[in-house]
């Protein structure tokens, strides 16, 4: 059994101001720390890339924003799963990739928590994977309700972490996950996330 690191949509477009005000500016740096640890251990790394079919989207093929962020860009031998929806399991070979790596546990991080990261993490939990979400290696955007109430990226991030924790994933942080998975093959017996 292995522990897969899944980095979702960490593309330049994730910080495009047309999408909303981006929060959690430390997310890529923390994701890079997780990525370095997984590479050192030789555990599977799966990069998810959003290929938006809307030609006006910053995530569209051919747009500068479509490229991966340099600090978390995949190496030539690492898996890249291309998706067109918010759920990385829909219309992709992600399930087959995870099965090929015999992954029963997944550490998830990426952009944006309220969209693709949360949707994919929920699905992974529903499919029976043990999912750990690195909250400080994941980013959210500001948004507004139809009634005009504004929510900051931090407010949305906190709310989404609270909603997901327990039922779908175990919310954690980079330091805890590095300690939990840094030296062992999978979570040690009896290990818990605070």
C-alpha atoms as a PDB file:
ATOM      1  CA  UNK A   1       0.000   0.000   0.000  1.00  0.00           C
ATOM      2  CA  UNK A   2       1.199   3.504  -0.723  1.00  0.00           C
ATOM      3  CA  UNK A   3       0.285   7.051   0.241  1.00  0.00           C
ATOM      4  CA  UNK A   4      -0.291   9.222  -2.825  1.00  0.00           C
ATOM      5  CA  UNK A   5       0.208  12.975  -2.855  1.00  0.00           C
ATOM      6  CA  UNK A   6      -2.384  14.634  -5.078  1.00  0.00           C
ATOM      7  CA  UNK A   7      -1.701  18.256  -6.071  1.00  0.00           C
ATOM      8  CA  UNK A   8      -4.806  19.738  -7.661  1.00  0.00           C
ATOM      9  CA  UNK A   9      -4.787  22.580 -10.207  1.00  0.00           C
ATOM     10  CA  UNK A  10      -1.706  24.388  -8.916  1.00  0.00           C
ATOM     11  CA  UNK A  11      -1.508  26.351 -12.144  1.00  0.00           C
ATOM     12  CA  UNK A  12      -0.675  30.005 -12.710  1.00  0.00           C
ATOM     13  CA  UNK A  13      -4.373  30.673 -13.369  1.00  0.00           C
ATOM     14  CA  UNK A  14      -5.141  29.920  -9.714  1.00  0.00           C
ATOM     15  CA  UNK A  15      -4.081  33.448  -8.794  1.00  0.00           C
ATOM     16  CA  UNK A  16      -5.832  35.205 -11.695  1.00  0.00           C
ATOM     17  CA  UNK A  17      -7.627  38.256 -10.221  1.00  0.00           C
ATOM     18  CA  UNK A  18     -10.645  37.738 -12.479  1.00  0.00           C
ATOM     19  CA  UNK A  19     -11.526  34.661 -10.405  1.00  0.00           C
ATOM     20  CA  UNK A  20     -11.697  36.497  -7.076  1.00  0.00           C
ATOM     21  CA  UNK A  21      -9.308  37.616  -4.386  1.00  0.00           C
ATOM     22  CA  UNK A  22      -6.928  34.772  -3.662  1.00  0.00           C
ATOM     23  CA  UNK A  23      -6.108  33.847  -0.072  1.00  0.00           C
ATOM     24  CA  UNK A  24      -3.639  31.458   1.573  1.00  0.00           C
ATOM     25  CA  UNK A  25      -0.605  32.793  -0.259  1.00  0.00           C
ATOM     26  CA  UNK A  26       1.606  30.233   1.493  1.00  0.00           C
ATOM     27  CA  UNK A  27      -0.225  27.306  -0.150  1.00  0.00           C
ATOM     28  CA  UNK A  28       2.244  26.694  -2.987  1.00  0.00           C
ATOM     29  CA  UNK A  29       5.266  26.872  -0.679  1.00  0.00           C
ATOM     30  CA  UNK A  30       3.698  24.316   1.656  1.00  0.00           C
ATOM     31  CA  UNK A  31       2.682  22.104  -1.259  1.00  0.00           C
ATOM     32  CA  UNK A  32       6.298  22.273  -2.473  1.00  0.00           C
ATOM     33  CA  UNK A  33       7.467  21.005   0.928  1.00  0.00           C
ATOM     34  CA  UNK A  34       5.082  18.067   0.729  1.00  0.00           C
ATOM     35  CA  UNK A  35       6.162  17.393  -2.850  1.00  0.00           C
ATOM     36  CA  UNK A  36       9.847  17.360  -1.877  1.00  0.00           C
ATOM     37  CA  UNK A  37       9.155  14.865   0.917  1.00  0.00           C
ATOM     38  CA  UNK A  38       7.131  12.554  -1.344  1.00  0.00           C
ATOM     39  CA  UNK A  39       9.832  12.658  -3.994  1.00  0.00           C
ATOM     40  CA  UNK A  40      12.483  11.848  -1.404  1.00  0.00           C
ATOM     41  CA  UNK A  41      10.461   8.870  -0.160  1.00  0.00           C
ATOM     42  CA  UNK A  42       9.646   7.671  -3.657  1.00  0.00           C
ATOM     43  CA  UNK A  43       5.923   7.688  -2.931  1.00  0.00           C
ATOM     44  CA  UNK A  44       3.452   8.365  -5.774  1.00  0.00           C
ATOM     45  CA  UNK A  45       2.816  11.964  -6.791  1.00  0.00           C
ATOM     46  CA  UNK A  46      -0.201  12.800  -8.938  1.00  0.00           C
ATOM     47  CA  UNK A  47      -0.587  16.242 -10.476  1.00  0.00           C
ATOM     48  CA  UNK A  48      -4.091  17.236 -11.515  1.00  0.00           C
ATOM     49  CA  UNK A  49      -4.323  19.840 -14.278  1.00  0.00           C
ATOM     50  CA  UNK A  50      -7.483  21.698 -15.221  1.00  0.00           C
ATOM     51  CA  UNK A  51      -7.948  21.995 -18.983  1.00  0.00           C
ATOM     52  CA  UNK A  52     -10.883  24.410 -19.236  1.00  0.00           C
ATOM     53  CA  UNK A  53     -12.834  24.115 -22.465  1.00  0.00           C
ATOM     54  CA  UNK A  54     -13.972  27.755 -22.240  1.00  0.00           C
ATOM     55  CA  UNK A  55     -11.470  29.662 -24.407  1.00  0.00           C
ATOM     56  CA  UNK A  56     -11.905  32.757 -22.204  1.00  0.00           C
ATOM     57  CA  UNK A  57     -10.914  30.935 -19.018  1.00  0.00           C
ATOM     58  CA  UNK A  58      -7.436  31.583 -17.583  1.00  0.00           C
ATOM     59  CA  UNK A  59      -7.204  27.757 -17.335  1.00  0.00           C
ATOM     60  CA  UNK A  60      -7.786  27.273 -21.082  1.00  0.00           C
ATOM     61  CA  UNK A  61      -5.216  25.406 -23.157  1.00  0.00           C
ATOM     62  CA  UNK A  62      -2.770  27.835 -24.717  1.00  0.00           C
ATOM     63  CA  UNK A  63      -3.301  30.532 -22.089  1.00  0.00           C
ATOM     64  CA  UNK A  64      -0.295  31.474 -19.877  1.00  0.00           C
ATOM     65  CA  UNK A  65      -2.328  30.546 -16.798  1.00  0.00           C
ATOM     66  CA  UNK A  66      -2.681  26.953 -17.951  1.00  0.00           C
ATOM     67  CA  UNK A  67       0.932  26.178 -16.975  1.00  0.00           C
ATOM     68  CA  UNK A  68       1.822  24.602 -13.630  1.00  0.00           C
ATOM     69  CA  UNK A  69       3.316  26.816 -10.948  1.00  0.00           C
ATOM     70  CA  UNK A  70       7.095  26.372 -11.091  1.00  0.00           C
ATOM     71  CA  UNK A  71       7.493  25.383  -7.433  1.00  0.00           C
ATOM     72  CA  UNK A  72       5.154  22.392  -7.821  1.00  0.00           C
ATOM     73  CA  UNK A  73       5.616  21.526 -11.504  1.00  0.00           C
ATOM     74  CA  UNK A  74       5.699  17.807 -12.292  1.00  0.00           C
ATOM     75  CA  UNK A  75       8.868  15.969 -13.166  1.00  0.00           C
ATOM     76  CA  UNK A  76       8.807  14.029 -16.454  1.00  0.00           C
ATOM     77  CA  UNK A  77       8.126  10.679 -14.742  1.00  0.00           C
ATOM     78  CA  UNK A  78       5.298  11.959 -12.502  1.00  0.00           C
ATOM     79  CA  UNK A  79       1.650  11.336 -13.324  1.00  0.00           C
ATOM     80  CA  UNK A  80      -0.417  14.204 -14.751  1.00  0.00           C
ATOM     81  CA  UNK A  81      -4.181  13.702 -14.851  1.00  0.00           C
ATOM     82  CA  UNK A  82      -5.997  16.145 -17.116  1.00  0.00           C
ATOM     83  CA  UNK A  83      -9.561  17.067 -16.163  1.00  0.00           C
ATOM     84  CA  UNK A  84     -12.305  19.262 -17.567  1.00  0.00           C
ATOM     85  CA  UNK A  85     -14.694  19.380 -14.578  1.00  0.00           C
ATOM     86  CA  UNK A  86     -14.328  20.241 -10.899  1.00  0.00           C
ATOM     87  CA  UNK A  87     -14.143  16.521 -10.032  1.00  0.00           C
ATOM     88  CA  UNK A  88     -10.817  14.924 -10.975  1.00  0.00           C
ATOM     89  CA  UNK A  89     -12.453  11.463 -11.008  1.00  0.00           C
ATOM     90  CA  UNK A  90     -14.978  12.373 -13.736  1.00  0.00           C
ATOM     91  CA  UNK A  91     -13.902  11.656 -17.295  1.00  0.00           C
ATOM     92  CA  UNK A  92     -10.318  10.846 -16.291  1.00  0.00           C
ATOM     93  CA  UNK A  93      -8.168   7.825 -15.454  1.00  0.00           C
ATOM     94  CA  UNK A  94      -7.475   9.009 -11.881  1.00  0.00           C
ATOM     95  CA  UNK A  95      -9.001   5.920 -10.275  1.00  0.00           C
ATOM     96  CA  UNK A  96      -6.851   3.642 -12.441  1.00  0.00           C
ATOM     97  CA  UNK A  97      -3.744   5.696 -11.609  1.00  0.00           C
ATOM     98  CA  UNK A  98      -4.421   5.365  -7.865  1.00  0.00           C
ATOM     99  CA  UNK A  99      -5.096   1.635  -8.207  1.00  0.00           C
ATOM    100  CA  UNK A 100      -1.876   1.160 -10.199  1.00  0.00           C
ATOM    101  CA  UNK A 101       0.034   2.730  -7.303  1.00  0.00           C
ATOM    102  CA  UNK A 102      -1.884   0.594  -4.758  1.00  0.00           C
ATOM    103  CA  UNK A 103      -2.770   3.819  -2.946  1.00  0.00           C
ATOM    104  CA  UNK A 104      -5.226   3.458  -0.086  1.00  0.00           C
ATOM    105  CA  UNK A 105      -4.378   6.828   1.451  1.00  0.00           C
ATOM    106  CA  UNK A 106      -4.214  10.209  -0.281  1.00  0.00           C
ATOM    107  CA  UNK A 107      -2.805  13.533   0.875  1.00  0.00           C
ATOM    108  CA  UNK A 108      -4.594  16.296  -1.031  1.00  0.00           C
ATOM    109  CA  UNK A 109      -3.657  19.939  -1.564  1.00  0.00           C
ATOM    110  CA  UNK A 110      -4.190  22.522  -4.265  1.00  0.00           C
ATOM    111  CA  UNK A 111      -6.386  25.248  -5.682  1.00  0.00           C
ATOM    112  CA  UNK A 112      -9.229  26.034  -4.963  1.00  0.00           C
ATOM    113  CA  UNK A 113     -10.663  24.400  -1.849  1.00  0.00           C
ATOM    114  CA  UNK A 114     -14.265  25.415  -2.506  1.00  0.00           C
ATOM    115  CA  UNK A 115     -14.167  24.102  -6.059  1.00  0.00           C
ATOM    116  CA  UNK A 116     -11.917  21.353  -7.429  1.00  0.00           C
ATOM    117  CA  UNK A 117     -10.014  20.428  -4.260  1.00  0.00           C
ATOM    118  CA  UNK A 118     -13.130  20.000  -2.135  1.00  0.00           C
ATOM    119  CA  UNK A 119     -15.083  18.209  -4.867  1.00  0.00           C
ATOM    120  CA  UNK A 120     -12.282  15.747  -5.578  1.00  0.00           C
ATOM    121  CA  UNK A 121     -11.510  15.168  -1.881  1.00  0.00           C
ATOM    122  CA  UNK A 122     -15.180  14.383  -1.152  1.00  0.00           C
ATOM    123  CA  UNK A 123     -15.295  11.911  -4.035  1.00  0.00           C
ATOM    124  CA  UNK A 124     -12.082  10.229  -2.902  1.00  0.00           C
ATOM    125  CA  UNK A 125     -13.557   9.819   0.579  1.00  0.00           C
ATOM    126  CA  UNK A 126     -16.781   8.433  -0.860  1.00  0.00           C
ATOM    127  CA  UNK A 127     -14.772   5.947  -2.926  1.00  0.00           C
ATOM    128  CA  UNK A 128     -13.182   4.575   0.246  1.00  0.00           C
ATOM    129  CA  UNK A 129      -9.787   6.279   0.310  1.00  0.00           C
ATOM    130  CA  UNK A 130      -8.396   7.645   3.564  1.00  0.00           C
ATOM    131  CA  UNK A 131      -8.019  11.311   2.607  1.00  0.00           C
ATOM    132  CA  UNK A 132      -5.851  13.839   4.427  1.00  0.00           C
ATOM    133  CA  UNK A 133      -6.323  17.468   3.395  1.00  0.00           C
ATOM    134  CA  UNK A 134      -3.382  19.820   3.914  1.00  0.00           C
ATOM    135  CA  UNK A 135      -5.323  22.980   4.735  1.00  0.00           C
ATOM    136  CA  UNK A 136      -2.278  25.259   4.684  1.00  0.00           C
ATOM    137  CA  UNK A 137      -1.192  23.874   1.289  1.00  0.00           C
ATOM    138  CA  UNK A 138      -4.576  24.663  -0.226  1.00  0.00           C
ATOM    139  CA  UNK A 139      -6.035  28.013  -1.286  1.00  0.00           C
ATOM    140  CA  UNK A 140      -9.501  29.557  -1.592  1.00  0.00           C
ATOM    141  CA  UNK A 141     -11.020  32.585  -3.313  1.00  0.00           C
ATOM    142  CA  UNK A 142     -13.273  35.368  -2.079  1.00  0.00           C
ATOM    143  CA  UNK A 143     -16.875  35.260  -3.265  1.00  0.00           C
ATOM    144  CA  UNK A 144     -20.274  36.864  -2.811  1.00  0.00           C
ATOM    145  CA  UNK A 145     -23.782  35.528  -2.302  1.00  0.00           C
ATOM    146  CA  UNK A 146     -26.601  36.378  -4.683  1.00  0.00           C
ATOM    147  CA  UNK A 147     -27.809  38.791  -2.001  1.00  0.00           C
ATOM    148  CA  UNK A 148     -24.508  40.651  -2.141  1.00  0.00           C
ATOM    149  CA  UNK A 149     -22.902  39.412   1.085  1.00  0.00           C
ATOM    150  CA  UNK A 150     -19.124  39.323   0.604  1.00  0.00           C
ATOM    151  CA  UNK A 151     -17.050  36.462   1.971  1.00  0.00           C
ATOM    152  CA  UNK A 152     -13.276  36.740   2.174  1.00  0.00           C
ATOM    153  CA  UNK A 153     -11.018  33.928   1.019  1.00  0.00           C
ATOM    154  CA  UNK A 154     -10.109  33.268   4.662  1.00  0.00           C
ATOM    155  CA  UNK A 155     -13.783  32.985   5.655  1.00  0.00           C
ATOM    156  CA  UNK A 156     -14.538  30.576   2.828  1.00  0.00           C
ATOM    157  CA  UNK A 157     -11.389  28.572   3.559  1.00  0.00           C
ATOM    158  CA  UNK A 158     -12.261  28.182   7.252  1.00  0.00           C
ATOM    159  CA  UNK A 159     -15.847  27.229   6.475  1.00  0.00           C
ATOM    160  CA  UNK A 160     -14.853  24.646   3.862  1.00  0.00           C
ATOM    161  CA  UNK A 161     -12.276  23.049   6.173  1.00  0.00           C
ATOM    162  CA  UNK A 162     -14.939  22.786   8.878  1.00  0.00           C
ATOM    163  CA  UNK A 163     -17.474  21.247   6.471  1.00  0.00           C
ATOM    164  CA  UNK A 164     -15.060  18.682   5.041  1.00  0.00           C
ATOM    165  CA  UNK A 165     -13.319  17.633   8.267  1.00  0.00           C
ATOM    166  CA  UNK A 166     -14.488  14.349   9.690  1.00  0.00           C
ATOM    167  CA  UNK A 167     -17.146  13.216   7.235  1.00  0.00           C
ATOM    168  CA  UNK A 168     -15.033  13.374   4.078  1.00  0.00           C
ATOM    169  CA  UNK A 169     -11.400  14.002   5.014  1.00  0.00           C
ATOM    170  CA  UNK A 170      -9.068  14.488   7.937  1.00  0.00           C
ATOM    171  CA  UNK A 171      -8.023  18.142   7.840  1.00  0.00           C
ATOM    172  CA  UNK A 172      -4.400  18.663   8.801  1.00  0.00           C
ATOM    173  CA  UNK A 173      -1.425  20.895   8.009  1.00  0.00           C
ATOM    174  CA  UNK A 174       1.910  20.501   6.306  1.00  0.00           C
ATOM    175  CA  UNK A 175       4.000  20.068   9.474  1.00  0.00           C
ATOM    176  CA  UNK A 176       1.725  17.354  10.862  1.00  0.00           C
ATOM    177  CA  UNK A 177       1.578  15.488   7.568  1.00  0.00           C
ATOM    178  CA  UNK A 178       5.349  15.622   7.149  1.00  0.00           C
ATOM    179  CA  UNK A 179       5.740  14.203  10.648  1.00  0.00           C
ATOM    180  CA  UNK A 180       3.074  11.553  10.034  1.00  0.00           C
ATOM    181  CA  UNK A 181       4.273  10.380   6.630  1.00  0.00           C
ATOM    182  CA  UNK A 182       7.853  11.648   6.483  1.00  0.00           C
ATOM    183  CA  UNK A 183       9.642   8.480   7.518  1.00  0.00           C
ATOM    184  CA  UNK A 184       7.021   5.750   7.598  1.00  0.00           C
ATOM    185  CA  UNK A 185       5.332   3.834   4.801  1.00  0.00           C
ATOM    186  CA  UNK A 186       1.811   5.086   5.485  1.00  0.00           C
ATOM    187  CA  UNK A 187       0.378   6.304   8.736  1.00  0.00           C
ATOM    188  CA  UNK A 188       1.856   4.628  11.805  1.00  0.00           C
ATOM    189  CA  UNK A 189      -0.452   2.327  13.788  1.00  0.00           C
ATOM    190  CA  UNK A 190      -2.691   4.432  16.009  1.00  0.00           C
ATOM    191  CA  UNK A 191      -1.561   7.742  14.500  1.00  0.00           C
ATOM    192  CA  UNK A 192      -4.085  10.547  14.657  1.00  0.00           C
ATOM    193  CA  UNK A 193      -4.500  13.958  13.100  1.00  0.00           C
ATOM    194  CA  UNK A 194      -5.230  16.751  15.532  1.00  0.00           C
END
